[in-house]
Amino acid sequence: MLEEYLSNPMTPNEQMLQQGLPLQDEAHVVFWSEIIENTEGTPLQKMQECLPQLCIAIKEDVSQSKSYKNAVLRGVPFADAGFDEIAEYEDPDAISLHMYTHDAGSLPVVETSNYNDFVHLNRAMASKCEPVHIADGIHAAFIAGLPNPGRMLQLQDEASQRGEPWGSAMQRLLQEDKTNFYDKIVLMHTSPYGNVPASNVGLSEQDWVQKSSLLRVEHEMTHYATNRMLGSFRLNIHDELLADFMGFTTSLGIFSADLFFLAMGIDGDFIPENCRFRNYCQALDEDEMQNVLLMSRRPAANIEKLSNVLPDGFPRSEVLLALGVYGIEEMGEDSFPEHFLEAFA
């Protein structure tokens, strides 16, 4: 299991990258841009109109119910799907929705300052409204494969207006772009990154929270970027090093190995229960997890060295593409910073 975990499946998607950067937005982005700019209501109300998942109360096995399947898979309006209650949010007015532009393509970003609402939104969109456990240090998520019944109904209407049978239209749209039916979205909780106090980074609480939001969105967009440009996104410490490198350098100007592990919830060589680090080692046993922690120390230190010598305004996507093809073990070699800089130059 450890050998598989340490392998690196990332390889440049040459066909995709031939388009040049920034990449063309995926199919769902136009729909979300329209929702953000040209529909009425609060951000939560706008999303509930097309995502009935956000109206469903979080309950065990609710995704197996006829009501859930009616609303989410068949596009039956929530009011007619058979539910006997509607989801409640602690601070619905604190939920925001905006579009974030990136070289990998734009994505809608949902953010809330209420942690319990963040957990609810995460379960609703990423876990089919099931009460899955969310680790204490998790305050953001890149969500892919999100069914959007509202957009499906829009596509059905468009096919009907063209006189195209829905069955053939669905097959054609799936072949053209899977994001015609499955959305991708970034979800974030407004809070200090990794629960790290502002005093640990030498900033005021307000500045640290602001920088944490930028760090988070760049972190999650990096997962999107490796998924599109390098063909892989995994719950893996390799992915987290790349994402934090991009997030830290955007928000703070440099990458800090100490801050990386602190935000992972790591205390020295001890891996606490329910810390964020465990979320990225779920398939490993305790000994293997300890090995990953020890093995990730050197790559983190090497990436910190890189961040100190790369010039301001370095070509971020090009650096990510170049870094991504190196696995954890290669990144941990003593000569890696010098070798990378020579190869990248």
C-alpha atoms as a PDB file:
ATOM      1  CA  MET A   1       0.000   0.000   0.000  1.00  0.00           C
ATOM      2  CA  LEU A   2       2.803   2.451   0.865  1.00  0.00           C
ATOM      3  CA  GLU A   3       4.522   1.893  -2.486  1.00  0.00           C
ATOM      4  CA  GLU A   4       1.301   2.711  -4.323  1.00  0.00           C
ATOM      5  CA  TYR A   5       0.737   5.754  -2.113  1.00  0.00           C
ATOM      6  CA  LEU A   6       4.206   7.114  -2.895  1.00  0.00           C
ATOM      7  CA  SER A   7       3.864   6.584  -6.651  1.00  0.00           C
ATOM      8  CA  ASN A   8       3.198   9.673  -8.748  1.00  0.00           C
ATOM      9  CA  PRO A   9       0.509   9.388 -11.445  1.00  0.00           C
ATOM     10  CA  MET A  10       0.871  13.008 -12.571  1.00  0.00           C
ATOM     11  CA  THR A  11       1.879  13.520 -16.189  1.00  0.00           C
ATOM     12  CA  PRO A  12       1.213  16.541 -18.406  1.00  0.00           C
ATOM     13  CA  ASN A  13      -1.992  16.360 -20.441  1.00  0.00           C
ATOM     14  CA  GLU A  14      -0.340  17.434 -23.682  1.00  0.00           C
ATOM     15  CA  GLN A  15      -3.590  17.491 -25.649  1.00  0.00           C
ATOM     16  CA  MET A  16      -5.181  19.789 -23.086  1.00  0.00           C
ATOM     17  CA  LEU A  17      -2.116  21.999 -22.746  1.00  0.00           C
ATOM     18  CA  GLN A  18      -1.864  22.533 -26.506  1.00  0.00           C
ATOM     19  CA  GLN A  19      -4.795  24.917 -26.080  1.00  0.00           C
ATOM     20  CA  GLY A  20      -2.470  27.272 -24.229  1.00  0.00           C
ATOM     21  CA  LEU A  21      -3.080  28.947 -20.879  1.00  0.00           C
ATOM     22  CA  PRO A  22      -5.474  29.865 -19.484  1.00  0.00           C
ATOM     23  CA  LEU A  23      -7.438  26.748 -20.379  1.00  0.00           C
ATOM     24  CA  GLN A  24     -10.959  27.096 -21.732  1.00  0.00           C
ATOM     25  CA  ASP A  25     -13.603  27.020 -19.003  1.00  0.00           C
ATOM     26  CA  GLU A  26     -15.498  23.761 -18.609  1.00  0.00           C
ATOM     27  CA  ALA A  27     -19.155  23.527 -19.609  1.00  0.00           C
ATOM     28  CA  HIS A  28     -20.688  24.175 -16.193  1.00  0.00           C
ATOM     29  CA  VAL A  29     -18.933  27.512 -15.690  1.00  0.00           C
ATOM     30  CA  VAL A  30     -21.230  29.446 -18.053  1.00  0.00           C
ATOM     31  CA  PHE A  31     -24.263  28.206 -16.108  1.00  0.00           C
ATOM     32  CA  TRP A  32     -22.769  29.317 -12.793  1.00  0.00           C
ATOM     33  CA  SER A  33     -21.741  32.695 -14.177  1.00  0.00           C
ATOM     34  CA  GLU A  34     -25.358  33.256 -15.183  1.00  0.00           C
ATOM     35  CA  ILE A  35     -26.562  32.199 -11.728  1.00  0.00           C
ATOM     36  CA  ILE A  36     -24.134  34.583 -10.022  1.00  0.00           C
ATOM     37  CA  GLU A  37     -24.723  37.603 -12.252  1.00  0.00           C
ATOM     38  CA  ASN A  38     -28.303  37.413 -13.489  1.00  0.00           C
ATOM     39  CA  THR A  39     -30.554  35.683 -10.975  1.00  0.00           C
ATOM     40  CA  GLU A  40     -32.353  37.086  -7.936  1.00  0.00           C
ATOM     41  CA  GLY A  41     -32.069  36.028  -4.308  1.00  0.00           C
ATOM     42  CA  THR A  42     -29.341  35.413  -1.775  1.00  0.00           C
ATOM     43  CA  PRO A  43     -26.392  33.211  -2.780  1.00  0.00           C
ATOM     44  CA  LEU A  44     -27.912  30.281  -0.871  1.00  0.00           C
ATOM     45  CA  GLN A  45     -31.296  30.770  -2.534  1.00  0.00           C
ATOM     46  CA  LYS A  46     -29.660  30.931  -5.958  1.00  0.00           C
ATOM     47  CA  MET A  47     -27.864  27.648  -5.323  1.00  0.00           C
ATOM     48  CA  GLN A  48     -30.902  25.910  -3.856  1.00  0.00           C
ATOM     49  CA  GLU A  49     -32.830  26.668  -7.048  1.00  0.00           C
ATOM     50  CA  CYS A  50     -30.521  24.390  -9.052  1.00  0.00           C
ATOM     51  CA  LEU A  51     -29.063  22.179  -6.303  1.00  0.00           C
ATOM     52  CA  PRO A  52     -31.891  20.611  -4.256  1.00  0.00           C
ATOM     53  CA  GLN A  53     -29.157  18.867  -2.244  1.00  0.00           C
ATOM     54  CA  LEU A  54     -28.843  22.134  -0.336  1.00  0.00           C
ATOM     55  CA  CYS A  55     -32.487  21.885   0.755  1.00  0.00           C
ATOM     56  CA  ILE A  56     -32.151  18.327   2.094  1.00  0.00           C
ATOM     57  CA  ALA A  57     -31.590  17.749   5.812  1.00  0.00           C
ATOM     58  CA  ILE A  58     -28.436  15.752   6.538  1.00  0.00           C
ATOM     59  CA  LYS A  59     -29.418  12.239   7.626  1.00  0.00           C
ATOM     60  CA  GLU A  60     -27.906   8.779   7.511  1.00  0.00           C
ATOM     61  CA  ASP A  61     -28.921   6.831   4.381  1.00  0.00           C
ATOM     62  CA  VAL A  62     -30.933   9.762   3.002  1.00  0.00           C
ATOM     63  CA  SER A  63     -29.140   9.323  -0.341  1.00  0.00           C
ATOM     64  CA  GLN A  64     -30.789   5.905  -0.680  1.00  0.00           C
ATOM     65  CA  SER A  65     -34.287   7.336  -0.297  1.00  0.00           C
ATOM     66  CA  LYS A  66     -36.764   7.702  -3.131  1.00  0.00           C
ATOM     67  CA  SER A  67     -37.129  11.402  -2.302  1.00  0.00           C
ATOM     68  CA  TYR A  68     -33.390  12.031  -2.711  1.00  0.00           C
ATOM     69  CA  LYS A  69     -33.272  10.196  -6.031  1.00  0.00           C
ATOM     70  CA  ASN A  70     -36.323  12.085  -7.260  1.00  0.00           C
ATOM     71  CA  ALA A  71     -34.838  15.472  -6.453  1.00  0.00           C
ATOM     72  CA  VAL A  72     -31.137  14.980  -7.234  1.00  0.00           C
ATOM     73  CA  LEU A  73     -31.129  12.383 -10.005  1.00  0.00           C
ATOM     74  CA  ARG A  74     -34.450  12.986 -11.739  1.00  0.00           C
ATOM     75  CA  GLY A  75     -34.836  16.737 -11.310  1.00  0.00           C
ATOM     76  CA  VAL A  76     -38.167  16.605  -9.474  1.00  0.00           C
ATOM     77  CA  PRO A  77     -38.704  19.961  -7.677  1.00  0.00           C
ATOM     78  CA  PHE A  78     -37.769  19.709  -3.999  1.00  0.00           C
ATOM     79  CA  ALA A  79     -41.328  20.612  -2.916  1.00  0.00           C
ATOM     80  CA  ASP A  80     -42.678  17.649  -4.907  1.00  0.00           C
ATOM     81  CA  ALA A  81     -39.966  15.098  -4.113  1.00  0.00           C
ATOM     82  CA  GLY A  82     -41.518  13.778  -0.896  1.00  0.00           C
ATOM     83  CA  PHE A  83     -39.404  15.314   1.857  1.00  0.00           C
ATOM     84  CA  ASP A  84     -41.095  16.153   5.165  1.00  0.00           C
ATOM     85  CA  GLU A  85     -38.554  18.812   6.225  1.00  0.00           C
ATOM     86  CA  ILE A  86     -36.112  21.294   4.744  1.00  0.00           C
ATOM     87  CA  ALA A  87     -32.496  21.881   5.738  1.00  0.00           C
ATOM     88  CA  GLU A  88     -31.802  24.685   8.196  1.00  0.00           C
ATOM     89  CA  TYR A  89     -28.694  26.868   8.205  1.00  0.00           C
ATOM     90  CA  GLU A  90     -27.348  28.767  11.192  1.00  0.00           C
ATOM     91  CA  ASP A  91     -26.311  31.878   9.244  1.00  0.00           C
ATOM     92  CA  PRO A  92     -27.553  31.692   5.644  1.00  0.00           C
ATOM     93  CA  ASP A  93     -26.737  35.358   4.997  1.00  0.00           C
ATOM     94  CA  ALA A  94     -23.043  34.627   5.647  1.00  0.00           C
ATOM     95  CA  ILE A  95     -22.862  32.338   2.599  1.00  0.00           C
ATOM     96  CA  SER A  96     -21.275  33.978  -0.454  1.00  0.00           C
ATOM     97  CA  LEU A  97     -20.882  32.856  -4.063  1.00  0.00           C
ATOM     98  CA  HIS A  98     -18.428  34.183  -6.642  1.00  0.00           C
ATOM     99  CA  MET A  99     -16.379  33.086  -9.651  1.00  0.00           C
ATOM    100  CA  TYR A 100     -12.594  32.660  -9.325  1.00  0.00           C
ATOM    101  CA  THR A 101     -10.370  32.942 -12.400  1.00  0.00           C
ATOM    102  CA  HIS A 102      -7.374  30.627 -12.810  1.00  0.00           C
ATOM    103  CA  ASP A 103      -5.103  29.325 -15.566  1.00  0.00           C
ATOM    104  CA  ALA A 104      -6.793  25.924 -15.209  1.00  0.00           C
ATOM    105  CA  GLY A 105     -10.169  27.570 -15.872  1.00  0.00           C
ATOM    106  CA  SER A 106     -12.635  29.459 -13.709  1.00  0.00           C
ATOM    107  CA  LEU A 107     -14.676  27.805 -10.955  1.00  0.00           C
ATOM    108  CA  PRO A 108     -17.539  28.930  -8.701  1.00  0.00           C
ATOM    109  CA  VAL A 109     -16.480  29.434  -5.084  1.00  0.00           C
ATOM    110  CA  VAL A 110     -18.846  29.127  -2.117  1.00  0.00           C
ATOM    111  CA  GLU A 111     -17.623  30.581   1.176  1.00  0.00           C
ATOM    112  CA  THR A 112     -19.142  30.911   4.633  1.00  0.00           C
ATOM    113  CA  SER A 113     -17.906  32.220   7.970  1.00  0.00           C
ATOM    114  CA  ASN A 114     -20.127  29.757   9.858  1.00  0.00           C
ATOM    115  CA  TYR A 115     -18.353  26.452  10.442  1.00  0.00           C
ATOM    116  CA  ASN A 116     -21.496  24.364  10.983  1.00  0.00           C
ATOM    117  CA  ASP A 117     -22.928  25.678   7.714  1.00  0.00           C
ATOM    118  CA  PHE A 118     -19.630  24.796   6.013  1.00  0.00           C
ATOM    119  CA  VAL A 119     -19.918  21.229   7.312  1.00  0.00           C
ATOM    120  CA  HIS A 120     -23.532  21.046   6.127  1.00  0.00           C
ATOM    121  CA  LEU A 121     -22.646  22.341   2.645  1.00  0.00           C
ATOM    122  CA  ASN A 122     -19.708  19.932   2.441  1.00  0.00           C
ATOM    123  CA  ARG A 123     -21.865  16.945   3.326  1.00  0.00           C
ATOM    124  CA  ALA A 124     -24.642  18.054   0.984  1.00  0.00           C
ATOM    125  CA  MET A 125     -22.452  18.571  -2.079  1.00  0.00           C
ATOM    126  CA  ALA A 126     -19.583  16.123  -1.564  1.00  0.00           C
ATOM    127  CA  SER A 127     -21.256  13.266   0.354  1.00  0.00           C
ATOM    128  CA  LYS A 128     -24.849  13.042  -0.922  1.00  0.00           C
ATOM    129  CA  CYS A 129     -26.307  14.639   2.231  1.00  0.00           C
ATOM    130  CA  GLU A 130     -24.882  11.852   4.414  1.00  0.00           C
ATOM    131  CA  PRO A 131     -23.503  12.736   7.902  1.00  0.00           C
ATOM    132  CA  VAL A 132     -19.893  11.782   7.088  1.00  0.00           C
ATOM    133  CA  HIS A 133     -17.125  12.779   9.473  1.00  0.00           C
ATOM    134  CA  ILE A 134     -15.272  16.021   8.626  1.00  0.00           C
ATOM    135  CA  ALA A 135     -11.849  16.276  10.294  1.00  0.00           C
ATOM    136  CA  ASP A 136     -11.351  19.296  12.557  1.00  0.00           C
ATOM    137  CA  GLY A 137      -8.640  20.838  10.360  1.00  0.00           C
ATOM    138  CA  ILE A 138     -10.656  20.653   7.117  1.00  0.00           C
ATOM    139  CA  HIS A 139     -11.966  24.091   6.145  1.00  0.00           C
ATOM    140  CA  ALA A 140     -12.110  23.805   2.353  1.00  0.00           C
ATOM    141  CA  ALA A 141     -12.867  21.310  -0.390  1.00  0.00           C
ATOM    142  CA  PHE A 142     -12.549  20.968  -4.151  1.00  0.00           C
ATOM    143  CA  ILE A 143     -15.773  19.183  -5.053  1.00  0.00           C
ATOM    144  CA  ALA A 144     -16.017  17.368  -8.394  1.00  0.00           C
ATOM    145  CA  GLY A 145     -18.739  15.190  -9.858  1.00  0.00           C
ATOM    146  CA  LEU A 146     -21.524  17.309  -8.357  1.00  0.00           C
ATOM    147  CA  PRO A 147     -24.936  16.507  -9.908  1.00  0.00           C
ATOM    148  CA  ASN A 148     -26.793  19.681 -10.908  1.00  0.00           C
ATOM    149  CA  PRO A 149     -30.478  18.876 -11.541  1.00  0.00           C
ATOM    150  CA  GLY A 150     -31.240  22.495 -12.424  1.00  0.00           C
ATOM    151  CA  ARG A 151     -28.705  22.483 -15.215  1.00  0.00           C
ATOM    152  CA  MET A 152     -29.875  19.059 -16.406  1.00  0.00           C
ATOM    153  CA  LEU A 153     -33.421  20.398 -16.791  1.00  0.00           C
ATOM    154  CA  GLN A 154     -32.058  23.395 -18.700  1.00  0.00           C
ATOM    155  CA  LEU A 155     -30.231  21.061 -21.082  1.00  0.00           C
ATOM    156  CA  GLN A 156     -33.400  19.017 -21.543  1.00  0.00           C
ATOM    157  CA  ASP A 157     -35.320  22.162 -22.472  1.00  0.00           C
ATOM    158  CA  GLU A 158     -32.641  23.188 -24.959  1.00  0.00           C
ATOM    159  CA  ALA A 159     -32.677  19.728 -26.571  1.00  0.00           C
ATOM    160  CA  SER A 160     -36.464  19.836 -26.819  1.00  0.00           C
ATOM    161  CA  GLN A 161     -36.335  23.237 -28.514  1.00  0.00           C
ATOM    162  CA  ARG A 162     -33.899  21.796 -31.080  1.00  0.00           C
ATOM    163  CA  GLY A 163     -36.144  18.781 -31.630  1.00  0.00           C
ATOM    164  CA  GLU A 164     -33.363  16.460 -30.407  1.00  0.00           C
ATOM    165  CA  PRO A 165     -34.465  13.384 -28.391  1.00  0.00           C
ATOM    166  CA  TRP A 166     -33.175  13.682 -24.827  1.00  0.00           C
ATOM    167  CA  GLY A 167     -31.548  10.225 -24.865  1.00  0.00           C
ATOM    168  CA  SER A 168     -29.348  11.008 -27.860  1.00  0.00           C
ATOM    169  CA  ALA A 169     -28.701  14.531 -26.587  1.00  0.00           C
ATOM    170  CA  MET A 170     -27.511  13.153 -23.249  1.00  0.00           C
ATOM    171  CA  GLN A 171     -25.089  10.721 -24.906  1.00  0.00           C
ATOM    172  CA  ARG A 172     -23.719  13.454 -27.155  1.00  0.00           C
ATOM    173  CA  LEU A 173     -23.275  15.926 -24.304  1.00  0.00           C
ATOM    174  CA  LEU A 174     -21.518  13.341 -22.136  1.00  0.00           C
ATOM    175  CA  GLN A 175     -19.089  12.521 -24.937  1.00  0.00           C
ATOM    176  CA  GLU A 176     -18.394  16.205 -25.539  1.00  0.00           C
ATOM    177  CA  ASP A 177     -17.746  17.154 -21.913  1.00  0.00           C
ATOM    178  CA  LYS A 178     -18.672  15.293 -18.708  1.00  0.00           C
ATOM    179  CA  THR A 179     -19.050  18.639 -16.957  1.00  0.00           C
ATOM    180  CA  ASN A 180     -22.215  19.068 -19.008  1.00  0.00           C
ATOM    181  CA  PHE A 181     -23.782  17.002 -16.210  1.00  0.00           C
ATOM    182  CA  TYR A 182     -21.359  17.049 -13.290  1.00  0.00           C
ATOM    183  CA  ASP A 183     -20.195  20.340 -11.805  1.00  0.00           C
ATOM    184  CA  LYS A 184     -16.994  21.283 -10.015  1.00  0.00           C
ATOM    185  CA  ILE A 185     -17.010  23.812  -7.218  1.00  0.00           C
ATOM    186  CA  VAL A 186     -14.767  25.127  -4.423  1.00  0.00           C
ATOM    187  CA  LEU A 187     -16.191  25.308  -0.899  1.00  0.00           C
ATOM    188  CA  MET A 188     -14.442  27.253   1.879  1.00  0.00           C
ATOM    189  CA  HIS A 189     -14.870  28.239   5.524  1.00  0.00           C
ATOM    190  CA  THR A 190     -13.581  31.720   6.414  1.00  0.00           C
ATOM    191  CA  SER A 191     -11.124  31.068   9.244  1.00  0.00           C
ATOM    192  CA  PRO A 192      -7.383  30.880  10.023  1.00  0.00           C
ATOM    193  CA  TYR A 193      -5.726  28.334   7.719  1.00  0.00           C
ATOM    194  CA  GLY A 194      -5.334  24.940   9.369  1.00  0.00           C
ATOM    195  CA  ASN A 195      -6.574  26.451  12.661  1.00  0.00           C
ATOM    196  CA  VAL A 196      -3.134  28.038  13.058  1.00  0.00           C
ATOM    197  CA  PRO A 197      -3.267  31.142  15.326  1.00  0.00           C
ATOM    198  CA  ALA A 198      -2.320  34.491  13.771  1.00  0.00           C
ATOM    199  CA  SER A 199       0.486  34.863  16.326  1.00  0.00           C
ATOM    200  CA  ASN A 200       2.274  31.885  14.745  1.00  0.00           C
ATOM    201  CA  VAL A 201       2.582  33.691  11.421  1.00  0.00           C
ATOM    202  CA  GLY A 202       3.258  37.176  12.754  1.00  0.00           C
ATOM    203  CA  LEU A 203       0.038  38.749  11.456  1.00  0.00           C
ATOM    204  CA  SER A 204      -3.025  40.362  12.969  1.00  0.00           C
ATOM    205  CA  GLU A 205      -6.067  38.107  13.225  1.00  0.00           C
ATOM    206  CA  GLN A 206      -7.884  40.060  10.507  1.00  0.00           C
ATOM    207  CA  ASP A 207      -4.930  39.930   8.107  1.00  0.00           C
ATOM    208  CA  TRP A 208      -4.377  36.230   8.730  1.00  0.00           C
ATOM    209  CA  VAL A 209      -8.017  35.363   8.052  1.00  0.00           C
ATOM    210  CA  GLN A 210      -7.933  37.391   4.812  1.00  0.00           C
ATOM    211  CA  LYS A 211      -4.697  35.762   3.689  1.00  0.00           C
ATOM    212  CA  SER A 212      -6.078  32.362   4.692  1.00  0.00           C
ATOM    213  CA  SER A 213      -9.015  32.786   2.300  1.00  0.00           C
ATOM    214  CA  LEU A 214      -6.665  33.576  -0.597  1.00  0.00           C
ATOM    215  CA  LEU A 215      -4.398  30.694   0.437  1.00  0.00           C
ATOM    216  CA  ARG A 216      -7.358  28.306   0.532  1.00  0.00           C
ATOM    217  CA  VAL A 217      -8.812  29.216  -2.835  1.00  0.00           C
ATOM    218  CA  GLU A 218      -5.404  28.937  -4.517  1.00  0.00           C
ATOM    219  CA  HIS A 219      -4.846  25.622  -2.727  1.00  0.00           C
ATOM    220  CA  GLU A 220      -8.144  24.186  -3.979  1.00  0.00           C
ATOM    221  CA  MET A 221      -7.662  25.614  -7.480  1.00  0.00           C
ATOM    222  CA  THR A 222      -4.307  23.826  -7.576  1.00  0.00           C
ATOM    223  CA  HIS A 223      -6.150  20.539  -7.080  1.00  0.00           C
ATOM    224  CA  TYR A 224      -8.349  21.521 -10.008  1.00  0.00           C
ATOM    225  CA  ALA A 225      -5.248  22.426 -12.031  1.00  0.00           C
ATOM    226  CA  THR A 226      -3.465  19.112 -11.412  1.00  0.00           C
ATOM    227  CA  ASN A 227      -6.706  17.296 -12.241  1.00  0.00           C
ATOM    228  CA  ARG A 228      -7.002  19.038 -15.629  1.00  0.00           C
ATOM    229  CA  MET A 229      -3.363  19.661 -16.553  1.00  0.00           C
ATOM    230  CA  LEU A 230      -1.616  16.673 -14.968  1.00  0.00           C
ATOM    231  CA  GLY A 231      -4.411  14.109 -14.969  1.00  0.00           C
ATOM    232  CA  SER A 232      -4.519  13.449 -11.242  1.00  0.00           C
ATOM    233  CA  PHE A 233      -6.000  14.637  -7.965  1.00  0.00           C
ATOM    234  CA  ARG A 234      -5.722  12.421  -4.889  1.00  0.00           C
ATOM    235  CA  LEU A 235      -6.007  12.650  -1.116  1.00  0.00           C
ATOM    236  CA  ASN A 236      -2.225  12.402  -0.836  1.00  0.00           C
ATOM    237  CA  ILE A 237       0.553  14.359   0.851  1.00  0.00           C
ATOM    238  CA  HIS A 238       2.163  14.921  -2.565  1.00  0.00           C
ATOM    239  CA  ASP A 239      -0.940  16.780  -3.770  1.00  0.00           C
ATOM    240  CA  GLU A 240      -1.045  18.759  -0.517  1.00  0.00           C
ATOM    241  CA  LEU A 241       2.575  19.888  -0.851  1.00  0.00           C
ATOM    242  CA  LEU A 242       1.879  21.168  -4.351  1.00  0.00           C
ATOM    243  CA  ALA A 243      -1.371  22.865  -3.334  1.00  0.00           C
ATOM    244  CA  ASP A 244       0.126  24.520  -0.263  1.00  0.00           C
ATOM    245  CA  PHE A 245       3.180  25.627  -2.235  1.00  0.00           C
ATOM    246  CA  MET A 246       0.886  27.454  -4.660  1.00  0.00           C
ATOM    247  CA  GLY A 247      -1.356  28.765  -1.901  1.00  0.00           C
ATOM    248  CA  PHE A 248       1.427  29.920   0.408  1.00  0.00           C
ATOM    249  CA  THR A 249       3.399  31.674  -2.313  1.00  0.00           C
ATOM    250  CA  THR A 250       0.297  33.479  -3.592  1.00  0.00           C
ATOM    251  CA  SER A 251      -0.918  34.598  -0.179  1.00  0.00           C
ATOM    252  CA  LEU A 252       2.259  34.907   1.915  1.00  0.00           C
ATOM    253  CA  GLY A 253       4.988  35.227  -0.721  1.00  0.00           C
ATOM    254  CA  ILE A 254       6.909  32.167   0.483  1.00  0.00           C
ATOM    255  CA  PHE A 255       6.348  28.527   1.404  1.00  0.00           C
ATOM    256  CA  SER A 256       7.125  27.544   5.004  1.00  0.00           C
ATOM    257  CA  ALA A 257       7.719  23.876   5.826  1.00  0.00           C
ATOM    258  CA  ASP A 258       7.045  24.549   9.522  1.00  0.00           C
ATOM    259  CA  LEU A 259       3.725  26.236   8.739  1.00  0.00           C
ATOM    260  CA  PHE A 260       2.807  23.421   6.342  1.00  0.00           C
ATOM    261  CA  PHE A 261       3.081  20.789   9.091  1.00  0.00           C
ATOM    262  CA  LEU A 262       1.535  23.057  11.705  1.00  0.00           C
ATOM    263  CA  ALA A 263      -1.515  23.527   9.438  1.00  0.00           C
ATOM    264  CA  MET A 264      -1.629  19.747   9.015  1.00  0.00           C
ATOM    265  CA  GLY A 265      -2.086  19.454  12.780  1.00  0.00           C
ATOM    266  CA  ILE A 266       1.279  17.750  13.280  1.00  0.00           C
ATOM    267  CA  ASP A 267       2.929  18.005  16.701  1.00  0.00           C
ATOM    268  CA  GLY A 268       6.608  17.109  16.268  1.00  0.00           C
ATOM    269  CA  ASP A 269       6.679  13.501  15.103  1.00  0.00           C
ATOM    270  CA  PHE A 270       3.293  12.739  16.663  1.00  0.00           C
ATOM    271  CA  ILE A 271       0.200  12.450  14.468  1.00  0.00           C
ATOM    272  CA  PRO A 272      -2.815  13.378  16.634  1.00  0.00           C
ATOM    273  CA  GLU A 273      -6.173  11.739  16.179  1.00  0.00           C
ATOM    274  CA  ASN A 274      -8.527  13.706  13.916  1.00  0.00           C
ATOM    275  CA  CYS A 275      -5.739  15.957  12.632  1.00  0.00           C
ATOM    276  CA  ARG A 276      -5.828  17.146   9.037  1.00  0.00           C
ATOM    277  CA  PHE A 277      -2.758  15.081   8.057  1.00  0.00           C
ATOM    278  CA  ARG A 278      -4.734  11.853   8.538  1.00  0.00           C
ATOM    279  CA  ASN A 279      -7.245  12.932   5.904  1.00  0.00           C
ATOM    280  CA  TYR A 280      -4.535  12.490   3.259  1.00  0.00           C
ATOM    281  CA  CYS A 281      -3.343   9.075   4.482  1.00  0.00           C
ATOM    282  CA  GLN A 282      -6.673   7.320   4.879  1.00  0.00           C
ATOM    283  CA  ALA A 283      -5.634   4.047   3.251  1.00  0.00           C
ATOM    284  CA  LEU A 284      -2.457   3.657   5.349  1.00  0.00           C
ATOM    285  CA  ASP A 285      -1.891   1.965   8.682  1.00  0.00           C
ATOM    286  CA  GLU A 286      -0.191   3.780  11.582  1.00  0.00           C
ATOM    287  CA  ASP A 287       3.342   2.643  10.705  1.00  0.00           C
ATOM    288  CA  GLU A 288       2.909   3.606   7.062  1.00  0.00           C
ATOM    289  CA  MET A 289       1.462   6.957   8.068  1.00  0.00           C
ATOM    290  CA  GLN A 290       4.467   7.615  10.293  1.00  0.00           C
ATOM    291  CA  ASN A 291       6.773   6.761   7.389  1.00  0.00           C
ATOM    292  CA  VAL A 292       4.950   9.234   5.148  1.00  0.00           C
ATOM    293  CA  LEU A 293       5.345  11.967   7.767  1.00  0.00           C
ATOM    294  CA  LEU A 294       9.077  11.336   8.040  1.00  0.00           C
ATOM    295  CA  MET A 295       9.510  11.091   4.265  1.00  0.00           C
ATOM    296  CA  SER A 296       7.614  14.346   3.659  1.00  0.00           C
ATOM    297  CA  ARG A 297       9.933  16.437   5.850  1.00  0.00           C
ATOM    298  CA  ARG A 298      12.699  16.721   3.256  1.00  0.00           C
ATOM    299  CA  PRO A 299      10.414  17.519   0.270  1.00  0.00           C
ATOM    300  CA  ALA A 300       8.772  20.266   2.332  1.00  0.00           C
ATOM    301  CA  ALA A 301      12.179  21.721   3.221  1.00  0.00           C
ATOM    302  CA  ASN A 302      13.267  21.579  -0.425  1.00  0.00           C
ATOM    303  CA  ILE A 303      10.107  23.316  -1.610  1.00  0.00           C
ATOM    304  CA  GLU A 304      10.733  26.027   0.976  1.00  0.00           C
ATOM    305  CA  LYS A 305      14.202  26.503  -0.534  1.00  0.00           C
ATOM    306  CA  LEU A 306      12.652  26.821  -3.974  1.00  0.00           C
ATOM    307  CA  SER A 307      10.186  29.439  -2.785  1.00  0.00           C
ATOM    308  CA  ASN A 308      13.070  31.512  -1.445  1.00  0.00           C
ATOM    309  CA  VAL A 309      14.943  31.624  -4.755  1.00  0.00           C
ATOM    310  CA  LEU A 310      12.143  31.806  -7.328  1.00  0.00           C
ATOM    311  CA  PRO A 311      11.721  35.407  -8.496  1.00  0.00           C
ATOM    312  CA  ASP A 312       8.673  37.503  -7.658  1.00  0.00           C
ATOM    313  CA  GLY A 313       5.994  36.978 -10.257  1.00  0.00           C
ATOM    314  CA  PHE A 314       7.389  33.597 -11.340  1.00  0.00           C
ATOM    315  CA  PRO A 315       5.252  31.785 -13.977  1.00  0.00           C
ATOM    316  CA  ARG A 316       3.070  29.944 -11.520  1.00  0.00           C
ATOM    317  CA  SER A 317       1.348  27.429 -13.771  1.00  0.00           C
ATOM    318  CA  GLU A 318       4.599  26.529 -15.521  1.00  0.00           C
ATOM    319  CA  VAL A 319       6.259  25.897 -12.149  1.00  0.00           C
ATOM    320  CA  LEU A 320       3.323  23.760 -11.015  1.00  0.00           C
ATOM    321  CA  LEU A 321       3.474  21.686 -14.195  1.00  0.00           C
ATOM    322  CA  ALA A 322       7.214  21.195 -13.745  1.00  0.00           C
ATOM    323  CA  LEU A 323       6.947  20.348 -10.027  1.00  0.00           C
ATOM    324  CA  GLY A 324       4.039  17.959 -10.434  1.00  0.00           C
ATOM    325  CA  VAL A 325       5.963  15.341 -12.393  1.00  0.00           C
ATOM    326  CA  TYR A 326       8.328  14.774  -9.445  1.00  0.00           C
ATOM    327  CA  GLY A 327       7.205  12.317  -6.787  1.00  0.00           C
ATOM    328  CA  ILE A 328       7.738  12.633  -3.030  1.00  0.00           C
ATOM    329  CA  GLU A 329      10.930  10.594  -3.040  1.00  0.00           C
ATOM    330  CA  GLU A 330      12.478  12.627  -5.886  1.00  0.00           C
ATOM    331  CA  MET A 331      11.475  15.892  -4.238  1.00  0.00           C
ATOM    332  CA  GLY A 332      13.198  14.730  -1.052  1.00  0.00           C
ATOM    333  CA  GLU A 333      16.638  14.290  -2.617  1.00  0.00           C
ATOM    334  CA  ASP A 334      19.304  16.715  -1.382  1.00  0.00           C
ATOM    335  CA  SER A 335      20.032  17.906  -4.917  1.00  0.00           C
ATOM    336  CA  PHE A 336      16.382  18.469  -5.832  1.00  0.00           C
ATOM    337  CA  PRO A 337      16.223  22.295  -5.550  1.00  0.00           C
ATOM    338  CA  GLU A 338      19.288  22.785  -7.730  1.00  0.00           C
ATOM    339  CA  HIS A 339      18.242  20.062 -10.166  1.00  0.00           C
ATOM    340  CA  PHE A 340      14.730  21.515 -10.490  1.00  0.00           C
ATOM    341  CA  LEU A 341      15.990  25.046 -11.098  1.00  0.00           C
ATOM    342  CA  GLU A 342      18.403  23.845 -13.768  1.00  0.00           C
ATOM    343  CA  ALA A 343      15.727  21.755 -15.510  1.00  0.00           C
ATOM    344  CA  PHE A 344      13.094  24.491 -15.258  1.00  0.00           C
ATOM    345  CA  ALA A 345      15.416  27.183 -16.580  1.00  0.00           C
END
